[in-house]
Protein backbone atom coordinates (compact mmCIF):
# COMPACT_ATOMS: atom_id res chain seq x y z
CA UNK A 1 -33.69 -60.23 -37.65
CA UNK A 2 -34.23 -63.37 -38.42
CA UNK A 3 -37.61 -65.25 -38.25
CA UNK A 4 -38.68 -69.01 -37.64
CA UNK A 5 -41.76 -69.96 -39.79
CA UNK A 6 -43.18 -73.38 -39.59
CA UNK A 7 -45.63 -74.79 -42.02
CA UNK A 8 -47.39 -77.91 -43.02
CA UNK A 9 -47.39 -79.17 -46.75
CA UNK A 10 -49.90 -81.53 -48.07
CA UNK A 11 -50.44 -82.85 -51.87
CA UNK A 12 -50.70 -85.74 -54.22
CA UNK A 13 -47.26 -87.32 -54.02
CA UNK A 14 -45.16 -86.84 -57.28
CA UNK A 15 -41.34 -86.18 -58.42
CA UNK A 16 -40.11 -82.43 -57.57
CA UNK A 17 -42.56 -81.49 -54.86
CA UNK A 18 -39.70 -81.04 -52.16
CA UNK A 19 -37.45 -79.56 -54.94
CA UNK A 20 -40.29 -76.86 -55.56
CA UNK A 21 -40.61 -75.95 -51.85
CA UNK A 22 -36.92 -75.92 -51.26
CA UNK A 23 -36.37 -73.55 -54.63
CA UNK A 24 -39.02 -70.71 -53.11
CA UNK A 25 -37.27 -71.03 -49.55
CA UNK A 26 -33.72 -70.48 -51.16
CA UNK A 27 -34.81 -68.04 -53.74
CA UNK A 28 -36.34 -65.90 -51.00
CA UNK A 29 -32.94 -66.19 -48.85
CA UNK A 30 -34.48 -68.56 -46.51
CA UNK A 31 -32.49 -71.59 -45.08
CA UNK A 32 -34.61 -74.86 -44.30
CA UNK A 33 -33.90 -75.73 -40.80
CA UNK A 34 -35.51 -79.18 -40.21
CA UNK A 35 -38.53 -81.18 -41.56
CA UNK A 36 -40.34 -84.53 -41.09
CA UNK A 37 -42.10 -85.70 -44.44
CA UNK A 38 -43.66 -88.84 -45.69
CA UNK A 39 -45.88 -90.44 -48.43
CA UNK A 40 -49.10 -92.10 -46.82
CA UNK A 41 -51.77 -93.55 -49.08
CA UNK A 42 -50.56 -91.68 -52.21
CA UNK A 43 -50.35 -88.22 -50.58
CA UNK A 44 -47.15 -86.36 -49.42
CA UNK A 45 -47.31 -84.58 -46.39
CA UNK A 46 -44.62 -82.72 -43.97
CA UNK A 47 -44.11 -80.21 -41.73
CA UNK A 48 -41.13 -77.53 -42.46
CA UNK A 49 -39.36 -74.89 -40.37
CA UNK A 50 -37.10 -72.60 -41.93
CA UNK A 51 -35.30 -68.97 -40.98
CA UNK A 52 -35.40 -66.17 -42.85
CA UNK A 53 -34.67 -62.51 -42.53
CA UNK A 54 -37.90 -60.98 -41.09
CA UNK A 55 -38.06 -58.71 -44.00
CA UNK A 56 -38.55 -61.35 -46.61
CA UNK A 57 -41.07 -63.61 -44.63
CA UNK A 58 -44.10 -62.17 -46.45
CA UNK A 59 -42.71 -62.55 -49.80
CA UNK A 60 -41.78 -66.45 -48.82
CA UNK A 61 -45.09 -67.08 -47.35
CA UNK A 62 -46.78 -65.46 -50.42
CA UNK A 63 -44.55 -67.68 -52.86
CA UNK A 64 -45.59 -70.86 -50.82
CA UNK A 65 -49.17 -70.20 -50.88
CA UNK A 66 -49.29 -69.73 -54.45
CA UNK A 67 -48.46 -73.24 -54.72
CA UNK A 68 -51.90 -73.98 -54.28
CA UNK A 69 -52.60 -73.53 -57.68
CA UNK A 70 -50.63 -76.44 -58.81
CA UNK A 71 -52.37 -78.74 -55.71
CA UNK A 72 -49.72 -78.02 -53.09
CA UNK A 73 -51.32 -76.73 -49.98
CA UNK A 74 -49.39 -74.99 -47.80
CA UNK A 75 -50.78 -74.03 -44.34
CA UNK A 76 -48.54 -71.83 -42.09
CA UNK A 77 -48.85 -73.02 -38.61
CA UNK A 78 -46.43 -70.85 -36.48
CA UNK A 79 -44.47 -67.79 -36.54
CA UNK A 80 -41.73 -67.33 -34.04
CA UNK A 81 -38.58 -65.69 -33.49
CA UNK A 82 -36.80 -69.20 -32.26
CA UNK A 83 -37.60 -72.43 -31.11
CA UNK A 84 -37.76 -72.87 -27.23
CA UNK A 85 -35.34 -75.62 -26.04
CA UNK A 86 -37.18 -78.50 -24.72
CA UNK A 87 -37.15 -79.32 -20.95
CA UNK A 88 -36.93 -82.53 -19.02
CA UNK A 89 -35.46 -85.95 -19.94
CA UNK A 90 -35.91 -87.57 -23.39
CA UNK A 91 -36.82 -91.22 -23.77
CA UNK A 92 -37.72 -93.57 -26.79
CA UNK A 93 -40.93 -95.95 -26.76
CA UNK A 94 -41.28 -98.92 -29.27
CA UNK A 95 -44.66 -100.69 -29.35
CA UNK A 96 -45.43 -103.96 -31.03
CA UNK A 97 -48.92 -105.73 -30.50
CA UNK A 98 -51.28 -107.44 -32.59
CA UNK A 99 -53.41 -104.77 -34.48
CA UNK A 100 -56.46 -103.80 -33.05
CA UNK A 101 -58.63 -100.48 -33.00
CA UNK A 102 -57.74 -98.16 -30.14
CA UNK A 103 -53.57 -99.10 -29.39
CA UNK A 104 -52.57 -95.74 -29.87
CA UNK A 105 -55.32 -94.01 -27.96
CA UNK A 106 -54.43 -95.98 -25.08
CA UNK A 107 -50.87 -95.87 -24.88
CA UNK A 108 -51.00 -91.81 -25.60
CA UNK A 109 -53.27 -91.49 -22.78
CA UNK A 110 -51.10 -92.82 -20.50
CA UNK A 111 -48.32 -90.54 -21.99
CA UNK A 112 -50.68 -87.63 -21.53
CA UNK A 113 -51.69 -88.55 -18.04
CA UNK A 114 -48.16 -88.55 -17.09
CA UNK A 115 -47.51 -85.07 -18.85
CA UNK A 116 -45.36 -86.49 -21.49
CA UNK A 117 -44.61 -85.02 -24.89
CA UNK A 118 -44.29 -86.78 -28.17
CA UNK A 119 -41.54 -85.27 -30.17
CA UNK A 120 -41.68 -87.80 -32.86
CA UNK A 121 -44.08 -90.55 -33.60
CA UNK A 122 -44.05 -93.04 -36.32
CA UNK A 123 -46.52 -96.09 -36.71
CA UNK A 124 -47.20 -98.55 -39.09
CA UNK A 125 -49.22 -102.14 -39.51
CA UNK A 126 -47.18 -104.98 -41.02
CA UNK A 127 -47.73 -108.58 -41.48
CA UNK A 128 -46.64 -110.75 -38.74
CA UNK A 129 -43.87 -113.27 -39.58
CA UNK A 130 -45.39 -116.53 -38.80
CA UNK A 131 -48.91 -116.23 -38.70
CA UNK A 132 -49.39 -113.60 -41.13
CA UNK A 133 -51.32 -111.76 -38.79
CA UNK A 134 -51.19 -107.67 -38.65
CA UNK A 135 -48.98 -106.11 -35.96
CA UNK A 136 -49.14 -102.46 -35.05
CA UNK A 137 -45.76 -101.07 -34.46
CA UNK A 138 -45.21 -97.81 -33.06
CA UNK A 139 -41.66 -95.73 -32.20
CA UNK A 140 -41.79 -92.28 -30.37
CA UNK A 141 -39.21 -89.89 -28.96
CA UNK A 142 -40.49 -88.58 -25.79
CA UNK A 143 -39.80 -85.86 -23.74
CA UNK A 144 -40.92 -86.54 -19.94
CA UNK A 145 -41.53 -83.55 -18.00
CA UNK A 146 -39.29 -82.59 -14.99
CA UNK A 147 -39.93 -84.85 -12.05
CA UNK A 148 -41.03 -87.69 -13.77
CA UNK A 149 -39.07 -90.82 -13.62
CA UNK A 150 -38.51 -92.95 -16.63
CA UNK A 151 -39.08 -96.17 -14.33
CA UNK A 152 -42.40 -94.55 -13.28
CA UNK A 153 -43.30 -93.97 -16.67
CA UNK A 154 -42.20 -97.35 -17.99
CA UNK A 155 -44.20 -98.99 -15.22
CA UNK A 156 -47.51 -97.21 -16.23
CA UNK A 157 -46.63 -98.06 -19.77
CA UNK A 158 -46.22 -102.13 -18.77
CA UNK A 159 -49.51 -101.76 -17.02
CA UNK A 160 -51.35 -100.74 -20.17
CA UNK A 161 -49.09 -103.12 -22.42
CA UNK A 162 -50.62 -105.91 -20.48
CA UNK A 163 -54.28 -104.97 -20.99
CA UNK A 164 -53.30 -104.64 -24.93
CA UNK A 165 -51.29 -107.79 -24.96
CA UNK A 166 -48.56 -105.50 -26.46
CA UNK A 167 -44.58 -105.51 -26.18
CA UNK A 168 -43.16 -101.78 -24.95
CA UNK A 169 -39.77 -101.13 -24.70
CA UNK A 170 -39.20 -97.55 -22.98
CA UNK A 171 -35.31 -96.35 -23.30
CA UNK A 172 -34.07 -93.46 -21.47
């Protein structure tokens, strides 16, 4: 019986980190299903979902956790027999604003109040093209709850965008 494991990884960025995990996973008969990884501020961080025969799961977890001796911290976050299929409509959000504290808090507050789940989120601060001011950019894949019309969500986000002096686009 297949077991799905989800774990996080964090380590000082260096070549070969992903290869070491992939080698352990493949060596124990695991299958790398999906992941999201990034280098942020000199650190390498990610989340990985794999499938493995249930009888070999303990062996895999032990080998992954042994990587901590090399400064690669693995934290098991979930042990499930499979992923649930998401319900509700999907949408994509793009945001650009002059950078200042609280932008993400204000946007995610609207999403939370409307029962929206964030499936993927990327943010960055970049230099603006004309004035050189810092711009905050966010891009998110969202899952709307059943019954929430994308137009209703867009209207609520636009109200907040006005307060933030941000440009927000919601694409359903």
